[in-house]
Amino acid sequence: MCQIYAQADPILYESRARSVRIMGVITTIKLENLFWQTLAELAADNDLTTNQLIAKLHDEVTTHLGEASNFASFLRVTCLRYQSLKTHAGFATSAATAATKVGASA
């Protein structure tokens, strides 16, 4: 089992810092490349740039909780939740497609 994970491309877990403007202030966020890729995908799904998405997420979490403590961890969890929701939606879509195909052939 560990070979699946241990043999991952090291570039995926290499950390990279990016500067982002949040609430008019430029700040640096350091995340692993795989999380940056996932944020870029999530941003594209919402017709936003990655920086726009991050600023929007910061605004939303601040509005909801009053602060955005440990924001880098929040972004990592956001990525995992996005991937999980996408996976579950994919299973639901696949099941619906299979049901439609079965129904059509009857």
PDB file of N, CA and C in Angstrom:
ATOM      1  N   MET A   1       0.821  -1.198   0.000  1.00  0.00           N
ATOM      2  CA  MET A   1       0.000   0.000   0.000  1.00  0.00           C
ATOM      3  C   MET A   1       0.860   1.254   0.000  1.00  0.00           C
ATOM      4  N   CYS A   2       1.886   1.290   0.805  1.00  0.00           N
ATOM      5  CA  CYS A   2       2.685   2.509   0.933  1.00  0.00           C
ATOM      6  C   CYS A   2       3.369   2.901  -0.357  1.00  0.00           C
ATOM      7  N   GLN A   3       3.625   1.928  -1.250  1.00  0.00           N
ATOM      8  CA  GLN A   3       4.280   2.262  -2.509  1.00  0.00           C
ATOM      9  C   GLN A   3       3.452   3.238  -3.324  1.00  0.00           C
ATOM     10  N   ILE A   4       2.135   3.120  -3.245  1.00  0.00           N
ATOM     11  CA  ILE A   4       1.257   4.043  -3.972  1.00  0.00           C
ATOM     12  C   ILE A   4       1.539   5.476  -3.534  1.00  0.00           C
ATOM     13  N   TYR A   5       1.747   5.661  -2.252  1.00  0.00           N
ATOM     14  CA  TYR A   5       1.968   6.997  -1.711  1.00  0.00           C
ATOM     15  C   TYR A   5       3.438   7.371  -1.720  1.00  0.00           C
ATOM     16  N   ALA A   6       4.293   6.450  -1.339  1.00  0.00           N
ATOM     17  CA  ALA A   6       5.718   6.740  -1.228  1.00  0.00           C
ATOM     18  C   ALA A   6       6.355   7.027  -2.584  1.00  0.00           C
ATOM     19  N   GLN A   7       5.775   6.514  -3.647  1.00  0.00           N
ATOM     20  CA  GLN A   7       6.338   6.731  -4.967  1.00  0.00           C
ATOM     21  C   GLN A   7       5.721   7.930  -5.682  1.00  0.00           C
ATOM     22  N   ALA A   8       4.984   8.742  -4.946  1.00  0.00           N
ATOM     23  CA  ALA A   8       4.425   9.963  -5.537  1.00  0.00           C
ATOM     24  C   ALA A   8       5.556  10.887  -5.962  1.00  0.00           C
ATOM     25  N   ASP A   9       5.315  11.633  -7.007  1.00  0.00           N
ATOM     26  CA  ASP A   9       6.301  12.590  -7.500  1.00  0.00           C
ATOM     27  C   ASP A   9       6.624  13.591  -6.393  1.00  0.00           C
ATOM     28  N   PRO A  10       7.885  13.711  -5.993  1.00  0.00           N
ATOM     29  CA  PRO A  10       8.258  14.634  -4.914  1.00  0.00           C
ATOM     30  C   PRO A  10       7.850  16.082  -5.171  1.00  0.00           C
ATOM     31  N   ILE A  11       7.689  16.451  -6.425  1.00  0.00           N
ATOM     32  CA  ILE A  11       7.286  17.828  -6.734  1.00  0.00           C
ATOM     33  C   ILE A  11       5.892  18.117  -6.163  1.00  0.00           C
ATOM     34  N   LEU A  12       5.056  17.070  -6.013  1.00  0.00           N
ATOM     35  CA  LEU A  12       3.701  17.267  -5.492  1.00  0.00           C
ATOM     36  C   LEU A  12       3.702  17.710  -4.041  1.00  0.00           C
ATOM     37  N   TYR A  13       4.659  17.239  -3.255  1.00  0.00           N
ATOM     38  CA  TYR A  13       4.681  17.613  -1.840  1.00  0.00           C
ATOM     39  C   TYR A  13       5.751  18.640  -1.509  1.00  0.00           C
ATOM     40  N   GLU A  14       6.372  19.169  -2.537  1.00  0.00           N
ATOM     41  CA  GLU A  14       7.281  20.292  -2.332  1.00  0.00           C
ATOM     42  C   GLU A  14       6.456  21.536  -2.031  1.00  0.00           C
ATOM     43  N   SER A  15       6.883  22.291  -1.045  1.00  0.00           N
ATOM     44  CA  SER A  15       6.145  23.506  -0.662  1.00  0.00           C
ATOM     45  C   SER A  15       6.552  24.684  -1.535  1.00  0.00           C
ATOM     46  N   ARG A  16       5.575  25.534  -1.778  1.00  0.00           N
ATOM     47  CA  ARG A  16       5.813  26.745  -2.550  1.00  0.00           C
ATOM     48  C   ARG A  16       5.039  27.878  -1.897  1.00  0.00           C
ATOM     49  N   ALA A  17       5.686  29.012  -1.768  1.00  0.00           N
ATOM     50  CA  ALA A  17       5.035  30.203  -1.201  1.00  0.00           C
ATOM     51  C   ALA A  17       4.555  31.087  -2.340  1.00  0.00           C
ATOM     52  N   ARG A  18       3.368  31.631  -2.173  1.00  0.00           N
ATOM     53  CA  ARG A  18       2.809  32.573  -3.147  1.00  0.00           C
ATOM     54  C   ARG A  18       2.308  33.794  -2.407  1.00  0.00           C
ATOM     55  N   SER A  19       2.451  34.927  -3.054  1.00  0.00           N
ATOM     56  CA  SER A  19       1.914  36.178  -2.500  1.00  0.00           C
ATOM     57  C   SER A  19       0.505  36.374  -3.012  1.00  0.00           C
ATOM     58  N   VAL A  20      -0.373  36.728  -2.096  1.00  0.00           N
ATOM     59  CA  VAL A  20      -1.791  36.913  -2.412  1.00  0.00           C
ATOM     60  C   VAL A  20      -2.270  38.187  -1.725  1.00  0.00           C
ATOM     61  N   ARG A  21      -3.097  38.953  -2.420  1.00  0.00           N
ATOM     62  CA  ARG A  21      -3.682  40.154  -1.819  1.00  0.00           C
ATOM     63  C   ARG A  21      -5.008  39.770  -1.170  1.00  0.00           C
ATOM     64  N   ILE A  22      -5.069  39.932   0.144  1.00  0.00           N
ATOM     65  CA  ILE A  22      -6.280  39.635   0.906  1.00  0.00           C
ATOM     66  C   ILE A  22      -6.659  40.884   1.678  1.00  0.00           C
ATOM     67  N   MET A  23      -7.871  41.362   1.427  1.00  0.00           N
ATOM     68  CA  MET A  23      -8.377  42.572   2.088  1.00  0.00           C
ATOM     69  C   MET A  23      -7.390  43.738   1.920  1.00  0.00           C
ATOM     70  N   GLY A  24      -6.827  43.853   0.723  1.00  0.00           N
ATOM     71  CA  GLY A  24      -5.934  44.958   0.417  1.00  0.00           C
ATOM     72  C   GLY A  24      -4.512  44.800   0.911  1.00  0.00           C
ATOM     73  N   VAL A  25      -4.209  43.696   1.577  1.00  0.00           N
ATOM     74  CA  VAL A  25      -2.879  43.469   2.131  1.00  0.00           C
ATOM     75  C   VAL A  25      -2.242  42.278   1.416  1.00  0.00           C
ATOM     76  N   ILE A  26      -1.010  42.449   0.989  1.00  0.00           N
ATOM     77  CA  ILE A  26      -0.305  41.338   0.364  1.00  0.00           C
ATOM     78  C   ILE A  26       0.258  40.446   1.465  1.00  0.00           C
ATOM     79  N   THR A  27      -0.073  39.163   1.377  1.00  0.00           N
ATOM     80  CA  THR A  27       0.388  38.183   2.356  1.00  0.00           C
ATOM     81  C   THR A  27       0.963  36.981   1.624  1.00  0.00           C
ATOM     82  N   THR A  28       1.789  36.233   2.275  1.00  0.00           N
ATOM     83  CA  THR A  28       2.387  35.047   1.679  1.00  0.00           C
ATOM     84  C   THR A  28       1.760  33.804   2.291  1.00  0.00           C
ATOM     85  N   ILE A  29       1.399  32.878   1.416  1.00  0.00           N
ATOM     86  CA  ILE A  29       0.829  31.601   1.848  1.00  0.00           C
ATOM     87  C   ILE A  29       1.730  30.501   1.312  1.00  0.00           C
ATOM     88  N   LYS A  30       2.084  29.569   2.186  1.00  0.00           N
ATOM     89  CA  LYS A  30       2.951  28.465   1.798  1.00  0.00           C
ATOM     90  C   LYS A  30       2.159  27.163   1.848  1.00  0.00           C
ATOM     91  N   LEU A  31       2.043  26.509   0.694  1.00  0.00           N
ATOM     92  CA  LEU A  31       1.329  25.237   0.576  1.00  0.00           C
ATOM     93  C   LEU A  31       2.127  24.291  -0.317  1.00  0.00           C
ATOM     94  N   GLU A  32       1.815  23.027  -0.224  1.00  0.00           N
ATOM     95  CA  GLU A  32       2.416  22.051  -1.108  1.00  0.00           C
ATOM     96  C   GLU A  32       1.832  22.209  -2.515  1.00  0.00           C
ATOM     97  N   ASN A  33       2.631  21.854  -3.525  1.00  0.00           N
ATOM     98  CA  ASN A  33       2.216  22.049  -4.918  1.00  0.00           C
ATOM     99  C   ASN A  33       0.888  21.371  -5.256  1.00  0.00           C
ATOM    100  N   LEU A  34       0.633  20.197  -4.697  1.00  0.00           N
ATOM    101  CA  LEU A  34      -0.632  19.514  -4.982  1.00  0.00           C
ATOM    102  C   LEU A  34      -1.823  20.351  -4.518  1.00  0.00           C
ATOM    103  N   PHE A  35      -1.683  21.042  -3.388  1.00  0.00           N
ATOM    104  CA  PHE A  35      -2.770  21.909  -2.921  1.00  0.00           C
ATOM    105  C   PHE A  35      -2.930  23.120  -3.836  1.00  0.00           C
ATOM    106  N   TRP A  36      -1.808  23.677  -4.326  1.00  0.00           N
ATOM    107  CA  TRP A  36      -1.911  24.794  -5.275  1.00  0.00           C
ATOM    108  C   TRP A  36      -2.626  24.340  -6.546  1.00  0.00           C
ATOM    109  N   GLN A  37      -2.328  23.131  -7.006  1.00  0.00           N
ATOM    110  CA  GLN A  37      -3.001  22.603  -8.197  1.00  0.00           C
ATOM    111  C   GLN A  37      -4.498  22.448  -7.965  1.00  0.00           C
ATOM    112  N   THR A  38      -4.853  21.941  -6.797  1.00  0.00           N
ATOM    113  CA  THR A  38      -6.267  21.747  -6.474  1.00  0.00           C
ATOM    114  C   THR A  38      -6.985  23.081  -6.355  1.00  0.00           C
ATOM    115  N   LEU A  39      -6.348  24.068  -5.733  1.00  0.00           N
ATOM    116  CA  LEU A  39      -6.953  25.405  -5.644  1.00  0.00           C
ATOM    117  C   LEU A  39      -7.150  26.006  -7.031  1.00  0.00           C
ATOM    118  N   ALA A  40      -6.191  25.795  -7.923  1.00  0.00           N
ATOM    119  CA  ALA A  40      -6.318  26.307  -9.293  1.00  0.00           C
ATOM    120  C   ALA A  40      -7.505  25.648  -9.998  1.00  0.00           C
ATOM    121  N   GLU A  41      -7.697  24.351  -9.780  1.00  0.00           N
ATOM    122  CA  GLU A  41      -8.829  23.632 -10.370  1.00  0.00           C
ATOM    123  C   GLU A  41     -10.154  24.139  -9.805  1.00  0.00           C
ATOM    124  N   LEU A  42     -10.207  24.309  -8.497  1.00  0.00           N
ATOM    125  CA  LEU A  42     -11.411  24.825  -7.842  1.00  0.00           C
ATOM    126  C   LEU A  42     -11.718  26.234  -8.333  1.00  0.00           C
ATOM    127  N   ALA A  43     -10.693  27.047  -8.465  1.00  0.00           N
ATOM    128  CA  ALA A  43     -10.880  28.414  -8.971  1.00  0.00           C
ATOM    129  C   ALA A  43     -11.442  28.389 -10.389  1.00  0.00           C
ATOM    130  N   ALA A  44     -10.861  27.557 -11.242  1.00  0.00           N
ATOM    131  CA  ALA A  44     -11.332  27.466 -12.628  1.00  0.00           C
ATOM    132  C   ALA A  44     -12.781  27.004 -12.692  1.00  0.00           C
ATOM    133  N   ASP A  45     -13.151  26.063 -11.815  1.00  0.00           N
ATOM    134  CA  ASP A  45     -14.544  25.592 -11.761  1.00  0.00           C
ATOM    135  C   ASP A  45     -15.509  26.708 -11.389  1.00  0.00           C
ATOM    136  N   ASN A  46     -14.987  27.748 -10.739  1.00  0.00           N
ATOM    137  CA  ASN A  46     -15.817  28.877 -10.301  1.00  0.00           C
ATOM    138  C   ASN A  46     -15.538  30.152 -11.101  1.00  0.00           C
ATOM    139  N   ASP A  47     -14.871  30.006 -12.242  1.00  0.00           N
ATOM    140  CA  ASP A  47     -14.540  31.138 -13.112  1.00  0.00           C
ATOM    141  C   ASP A  47     -13.801  32.248 -12.369  1.00  0.00           C
ATOM    142  N   LEU A  48     -12.848  31.854 -11.527  1.00  0.00           N
ATOM    143  CA  LEU A  48     -12.032  32.786 -10.764  1.00  0.00           C
ATOM    144  C   LEU A  48     -10.559  32.456 -10.986  1.00  0.00           C
ATOM    145  N   THR A  49      -9.699  33.424 -10.703  1.00  0.00           N
ATOM    146  CA  THR A  49      -8.277  33.111 -10.621  1.00  0.00           C
ATOM    147  C   THR A  49      -8.035  32.487  -9.255  1.00  0.00           C
ATOM    148  N   THR A  50      -6.884  31.859  -9.095  1.00  0.00           N
ATOM    149  CA  THR A  50      -6.560  31.265  -7.801  1.00  0.00           C
ATOM    150  C   THR A  50      -6.519  32.337  -6.719  1.00  0.00           C
ATOM    151  N   ASN A  51      -5.924  33.483  -7.026  1.00  0.00           N
ATOM    152  CA  ASN A  51      -5.860  34.563  -6.039  1.00  0.00           C
ATOM    153  C   ASN A  51      -7.249  35.088  -5.683  1.00  0.00           C
ATOM    154  N   GLN A  52      -8.129  35.211  -6.670  1.00  0.00           N
ATOM    155  CA  GLN A  52      -9.501  35.651  -6.390  1.00  0.00           C
ATOM    156  C   GLN A  52     -10.220  34.642  -5.499  1.00  0.00           C
ATOM    157  N   LEU A  53     -10.025  33.358  -5.787  1.00  0.00           N
ATOM    158  CA  LEU A  53     -10.653  32.317  -4.970  1.00  0.00           C
ATOM    159  C   LEU A  53     -10.171  32.400  -3.533  1.00  0.00           C
ATOM    160  N   ILE A  54      -8.868  32.535  -3.350  1.00  0.00           N
ATOM    161  CA  ILE A  54      -8.308  32.594  -1.995  1.00  0.00           C
ATOM    162  C   ILE A  54      -8.855  33.800  -1.245  1.00  0.00           C
ATOM    163  N   ALA A  55      -8.918  34.945  -1.898  1.00  0.00           N
ATOM    164  CA  ALA A  55      -9.463  36.150  -1.258  1.00  0.00           C
ATOM    165  C   ALA A  55     -10.932  35.940  -0.893  1.00  0.00           C
ATOM    166  N   LYS A  56     -11.687  35.307  -1.803  1.00  0.00           N
ATOM    167  CA  LYS A  56     -13.110  35.047  -1.538  1.00  0.00           C
ATOM    168  C   LYS A  56     -13.284  34.086  -0.365  1.00  0.00           C
ATOM    169  N   LEU A  57     -12.485  33.026  -0.344  1.00  0.00           N
ATOM    170  CA  LEU A  57     -12.560  32.075   0.774  1.00  0.00           C
ATOM    171  C   LEU A  57     -12.213  32.753   2.094  1.00  0.00           C
ATOM    172  N   HIS A  58     -11.210  33.611   2.067  1.00  0.00           N
ATOM    173  CA  HIS A  58     -10.824  34.342   3.283  1.00  0.00           C
ATOM    174  C   HIS A  58     -11.975  35.222   3.761  1.00  0.00           C
ATOM    175  N   ASP A  59     -12.591  35.942   2.828  1.00  0.00           N
ATOM    176  CA  ASP A  59     -13.735  36.800   3.184  1.00  0.00           C
ATOM    177  C   ASP A  59     -14.868  35.968   3.792  1.00  0.00           C
ATOM    178  N   GLU A  60     -15.156  34.822   3.181  1.00  0.00           N
ATOM    179  CA  GLU A  60     -16.263  33.994   3.650  1.00  0.00           C
ATOM    180  C   GLU A  60     -15.996  33.390   5.026  1.00  0.00           C
ATOM    181  N   VAL A  61     -14.784  32.886   5.236  1.00  0.00           N
ATOM    182  CA  VAL A  61     -14.494  32.280   6.539  1.00  0.00           C
ATOM    183  C   VAL A  61     -14.427  33.358   7.622  1.00  0.00           C
ATOM    184  N   THR A  62     -13.935  34.532   7.269  1.00  0.00           N
ATOM    185  CA  THR A  62     -13.894  35.639   8.234  1.00  0.00           C
ATOM    186  C   THR A  62     -15.310  36.084   8.598  1.00  0.00           C
ATOM    187  N   THR A  63     -16.171  36.157   7.605  1.00  0.00           N
ATOM    188  CA  THR A  63     -17.569  36.527   7.866  1.00  0.00           C
ATOM    189  C   THR A  63     -18.243  35.481   8.745  1.00  0.00           C
ATOM    190  N   HIS A  64     -17.959  34.214   8.465  1.00  0.00           N
ATOM    191  CA  HIS A  64     -18.602  33.121   9.203  1.00  0.00           C
ATOM    192  C   HIS A  64     -18.066  32.981  10.633  1.00  0.00           C
ATOM    193  N   LEU A  65     -16.747  33.061  10.794  1.00  0.00           N
ATOM    194  CA  LEU A  65     -16.135  32.796  12.102  1.00  0.00           C
ATOM    195  C   LEU A  65     -15.608  34.031  12.816  1.00  0.00           C
ATOM    196  N   GLY A  66     -15.543  35.157  12.115  1.00  0.00           N
ATOM    197  CA  GLY A  66     -15.014  36.370  12.723  1.00  0.00           C
ATOM    198  C   GLY A  66     -13.510  36.514  12.556  1.00  0.00           C
ATOM    199  N   GLU A  67     -12.839  35.436  12.157  1.00  0.00           N
ATOM    200  CA  GLU A  67     -11.405  35.464  11.903  1.00  0.00           C
ATOM    201  C   GLU A  67     -11.049  34.284  11.000  1.00  0.00           C
ATOM    202  N   ALA A  68      -9.860  34.337  10.460  1.00  0.00           N
ATOM    203  CA  ALA A  68      -9.392  33.241   9.607  1.00  0.00           C
ATOM    204  C   ALA A  68      -8.094  32.696  10.181  1.00  0.00           C
ATOM    205  N   SER A  69      -8.167  32.145  11.375  1.00  0.00           N
ATOM    206  CA  SER A  69      -6.961  31.613  12.007  1.00  0.00           C
ATOM    207  C   SER A  69      -6.501  30.365  11.260  1.00  0.00           C
ATOM    208  N   ASN A  70      -5.202  30.190  11.191  1.00  0.00           N
ATOM    209  CA  ASN A  70      -4.583  29.054  10.515  1.00  0.00           C
ATOM    210  C   ASN A  70      -5.142  28.888   9.101  1.00  0.00           C
ATOM    211  N   PHE A  71      -5.055  29.949   8.328  1.00  0.00           N
ATOM    212  CA  PHE A  71      -5.675  30.003   7.004  1.00  0.00           C
ATOM    213  C   PHE A  71      -5.074  28.984   6.040  1.00  0.00           C
ATOM    214  N   ALA A  72      -3.780  28.719   6.111  1.00  0.00           N
ATOM    215  CA  ALA A  72      -3.175  27.723   5.223  1.00  0.00           C
ATOM    216  C   ALA A  72      -3.792  26.349   5.468  1.00  0.00           C
ATOM    217  N   SER A  73      -4.021  25.994   6.716  1.00  0.00           N
ATOM    218  CA  SER A  73      -4.678  24.720   7.030  1.00  0.00           C
ATOM    219  C   SER A  73      -6.117  24.718   6.528  1.00  0.00           C
ATOM    220  N   PHE A  74      -6.789  25.837   6.647  1.00  0.00           N
ATOM    221  CA  PHE A  74      -8.151  25.966   6.115  1.00  0.00           C
ATOM    222  C   PHE A  74      -8.150  25.686   4.609  1.00  0.00           C
ATOM    223  N   LEU A  75      -7.156  26.229   3.899  1.00  0.00           N
ATOM    224  CA  LEU A  75      -7.081  26.006   2.458  1.00  0.00           C
ATOM    225  C   LEU A  75      -6.825  24.534   2.139  1.00  0.00           C
ATOM    226  N   ARG A  76      -5.988  23.871   2.919  1.00  0.00           N
ATOM    227  CA  ARG A  76      -5.740  22.437   2.707  1.00  0.00           C
ATOM    228  C   ARG A  76      -7.026  21.634   2.906  1.00  0.00           C
ATOM    229  N   VAL A  77      -7.758  21.950   3.968  1.00  0.00           N
ATOM    230  CA  VAL A  77      -9.022  21.246   4.233  1.00  0.00           C
ATOM    231  C   VAL A  77     -10.031  21.536   3.124  1.00  0.00           C
ATOM    232  N   THR A  78     -10.049  22.771   2.647  1.00  0.00           N
ATOM    233  CA  THR A  78     -10.926  23.131   1.530  1.00  0.00           C
ATOM    234  C   THR A  78     -10.618  22.260   0.319  1.00  0.00           C
ATOM    235  N   CYS A  79      -9.340  22.068   0.019  1.00  0.00           N
ATOM    236  CA  CYS A  79      -8.933  21.226  -1.113  1.00  0.00           C
ATOM    237  C   CYS A  79      -9.412  19.789  -0.929  1.00  0.00           C
ATOM    238  N   LEU A  80      -9.237  19.254   0.274  1.00  0.00           N
ATOM    239  CA  LEU A  80      -9.668  17.881   0.532  1.00  0.00           C
ATOM    240  C   LEU A  80     -11.186  17.741   0.435  1.00  0.00           C
ATOM    241  N   ARG A  81     -11.893  18.722   0.944  1.00  0.00           N
ATOM    242  CA  ARG A  81     -13.362  18.685   0.861  1.00  0.00           C
ATOM    243  C   ARG A  81     -13.824  18.791  -0.587  1.00  0.00           C
ATOM    244  N   TYR A  82     -13.162  19.647  -1.356  1.00  0.00           N
ATOM    245  CA  TYR A  82     -13.482  19.789  -2.786  1.00  0.00           C
ATOM    246  C   TYR A  82     -13.281  18.455  -3.505  1.00  0.00           C
ATOM    247  N   GLN A  83     -12.146  17.805  -3.270  1.00  0.00           N
ATOM    248  CA  GLN A  83     -11.875  16.524  -3.919  1.00  0.00           C
ATOM    249  C   GLN A  83     -12.885  15.463  -3.479  1.00  0.00           C
ATOM    250  N   SER A  84     -13.243  15.459  -2.209  1.00  0.00           N
ATOM    251  CA  SER A  84     -14.214  14.501  -1.696  1.00  0.00           C
ATOM    252  C   SER A  84     -15.589  14.722  -2.327  1.00  0.00           C
ATOM    253  N   LEU A  85     -16.018  15.963  -2.381  1.00  0.00           N
ATOM    254  CA  LEU A  85     -17.316  16.265  -2.993  1.00  0.00           C
ATOM    255  C   LEU A  85     -17.319  15.918  -4.473  1.00  0.00           C
ATOM    256  N   LYS A  86     -16.220  16.187  -5.140  1.00  0.00           N
ATOM    257  CA  LYS A  86     -16.092  15.874  -6.558  1.00  0.00           C
ATOM    258  C   LYS A  86     -16.156  14.359  -6.775  1.00  0.00           C
ATOM    259  N   THR A  87     -15.510  13.600  -5.909  1.00  0.00           N
ATOM    260  CA  THR A  87     -15.522  12.141  -6.007  1.00  0.00           C
ATOM    261  C   THR A  87     -16.931  11.607  -5.789  1.00  0.00           C
ATOM    262  N   HIS A  88     -17.599  12.099  -4.748  1.00  0.00           N
ATOM    263  CA  HIS A  88     -18.963  11.632  -4.472  1.00  0.00           C
ATOM    264  C   HIS A  88     -19.915  12.019  -5.603  1.00  0.00           C
ATOM    265  N   ALA A  89     -19.764  13.193  -6.147  1.00  0.00           N
ATOM    266  CA  ALA A  89     -20.601  13.619  -7.270  1.00  0.00           C
ATOM    267  C   ALA A  89     -20.324  12.731  -8.480  1.00  0.00           C
ATOM    268  N   GLY A  90     -19.063  12.368  -8.675  1.00  0.00           N
ATOM    269  CA  GLY A  90     -18.700  11.482  -9.784  1.00  0.00           C
ATOM    270  C   GLY A  90     -19.345  10.118  -9.645  1.00  0.00           C
ATOM    271  N   PHE A  91     -19.359   9.587  -8.419  1.00  0.00           N
ATOM    272  CA  PHE A  91     -20.008   8.303  -8.192  1.00  0.00           C
ATOM    273  C   PHE A  91     -21.505   8.410  -8.446  1.00  0.00           C
ATOM    274  N   ALA A  92     -22.106   9.489  -7.991  1.00  0.00           N
ATOM    275  CA  ALA A  92     -23.547   9.676  -8.190  1.00  0.00           C
ATOM    276  C   ALA A  92     -23.855   9.801  -9.679  1.00  0.00           C
ATOM    277  N   THR A  93     -23.020  10.555 -10.404  1.00  0.00           N
ATOM    278  CA  THR A  93     -23.221  10.721 -11.842  1.00  0.00           C
ATOM    279  C   THR A  93     -23.042   9.395 -12.564  1.00  0.00           C
ATOM    280  N   SER A  94     -22.013   8.640 -12.183  1.00  0.00           N
ATOM    281  CA  SER A  94     -21.765   7.336 -12.804  1.00  0.00           C
ATOM    282  C   SER A  94     -22.931   6.378 -12.560  1.00  0.00           C
ATOM    283  N   ALA A  95     -23.459   6.380 -11.341  1.00  0.00           N
ATOM    284  CA  ALA A  95     -24.583   5.512 -11.009  1.00  0.00           C
ATOM    285  C   ALA A  95     -25.828   5.914 -11.798  1.00  0.00           C
ATOM    286  N   ALA A  96     -26.077   7.212 -11.905  1.00  0.00           N
ATOM    287  CA  ALA A  96     -27.238   7.690 -12.660  1.00  0.00           C
ATOM    288  C   ALA A  96     -27.090   7.349 -14.130  1.00  0.00           C
ATOM    289  N   THR A  97     -25.891   7.512 -14.665  1.00  0.00           N
ATOM    290  CA  THR A  97     -25.643   7.172 -16.076  1.00  0.00           C
ATOM    291  C   THR A  97     -25.847   5.685 -16.297  1.00  0.00           C
ATOM    292  N   ALA A  98     -25.337   4.860 -15.393  1.00  0.00           N
ATOM    293  CA  ALA A  98     -25.497   3.407 -15.513  1.00  0.00           C
ATOM    294  C   ALA A  98     -26.963   3.032 -15.448  1.00  0.00           C
ATOM    295  N   ALA A  99     -27.718   3.661 -14.539  1.00  0.00           N
ATOM    296  CA  ALA A  99     -29.148   3.368 -14.400  1.00  0.00           C
ATOM    297  C   ALA A  99     -29.893   3.757 -15.672  1.00  0.00           C
ATOM    298  N   THR A 100     -29.508   4.901 -16.253  1.00  0.00           N
ATOM    299  CA  THR A 100     -30.150   5.357 -17.490  1.00  0.00           C
ATOM    300  C   THR A 100     -29.866   4.392 -18.612  1.00  0.00           C
ATOM    301  N   LYS A 101     -28.618   3.932 -18.717  1.00  0.00           N
ATOM    302  CA  LYS A 101     -28.249   2.993 -19.774  1.00  0.00           C
ATOM    303  C   LYS A 101     -28.979   1.681 -19.600  1.00  0.00           C
ATOM    304  N   VAL A 102     -29.094   1.211 -18.367  1.00  0.00           N
ATOM    305  CA  VAL A 102     -29.809  -0.047 -18.113  1.00  0.00           C
ATOM    306  C   VAL A 102     -31.266   0.127 -18.484  1.00  0.00           C
ATOM    307  N   GLY A 103     -31.878   1.258 -18.080  1.00  0.00           N
ATOM    308  CA  GLY A 103     -33.276   1.518 -18.385  1.00  0.00           C
ATOM    309  C   GLY A 103     -33.526   1.652 -19.872  1.00  0.00           C
ATOM    310  N   ALA A 104     -32.563   2.214 -20.594  1.00  0.00           N
ATOM    311  CA  ALA A 104     -32.736   2.430 -22.033  1.00  0.00           C
ATOM    312  C   ALA A 104     -32.671   1.120 -22.799  1.00  0.00           C
ATOM    313  N   SER A 105     -31.922   0.151 -22.281  1.00  0.00           N
ATOM    314  CA  SER A 105     -31.765  -1.116 -23.020  1.00  0.00           C
ATOM    315  C   SER A 105     -32.898  -2.089 -22.727  1.00  0.00           C
ATOM    316  N   ALA A 106     -33.746  -1.776 -21.769  1.00  0.00           N
ATOM    317  CA  ALA A 106     -34.822  -2.706 -21.398  1.00  0.00           C
ATOM    318  C   ALA A 106     -35.987  -2.647 -22.333  1.00  0.00           C
TER     319      ALA A 106
END
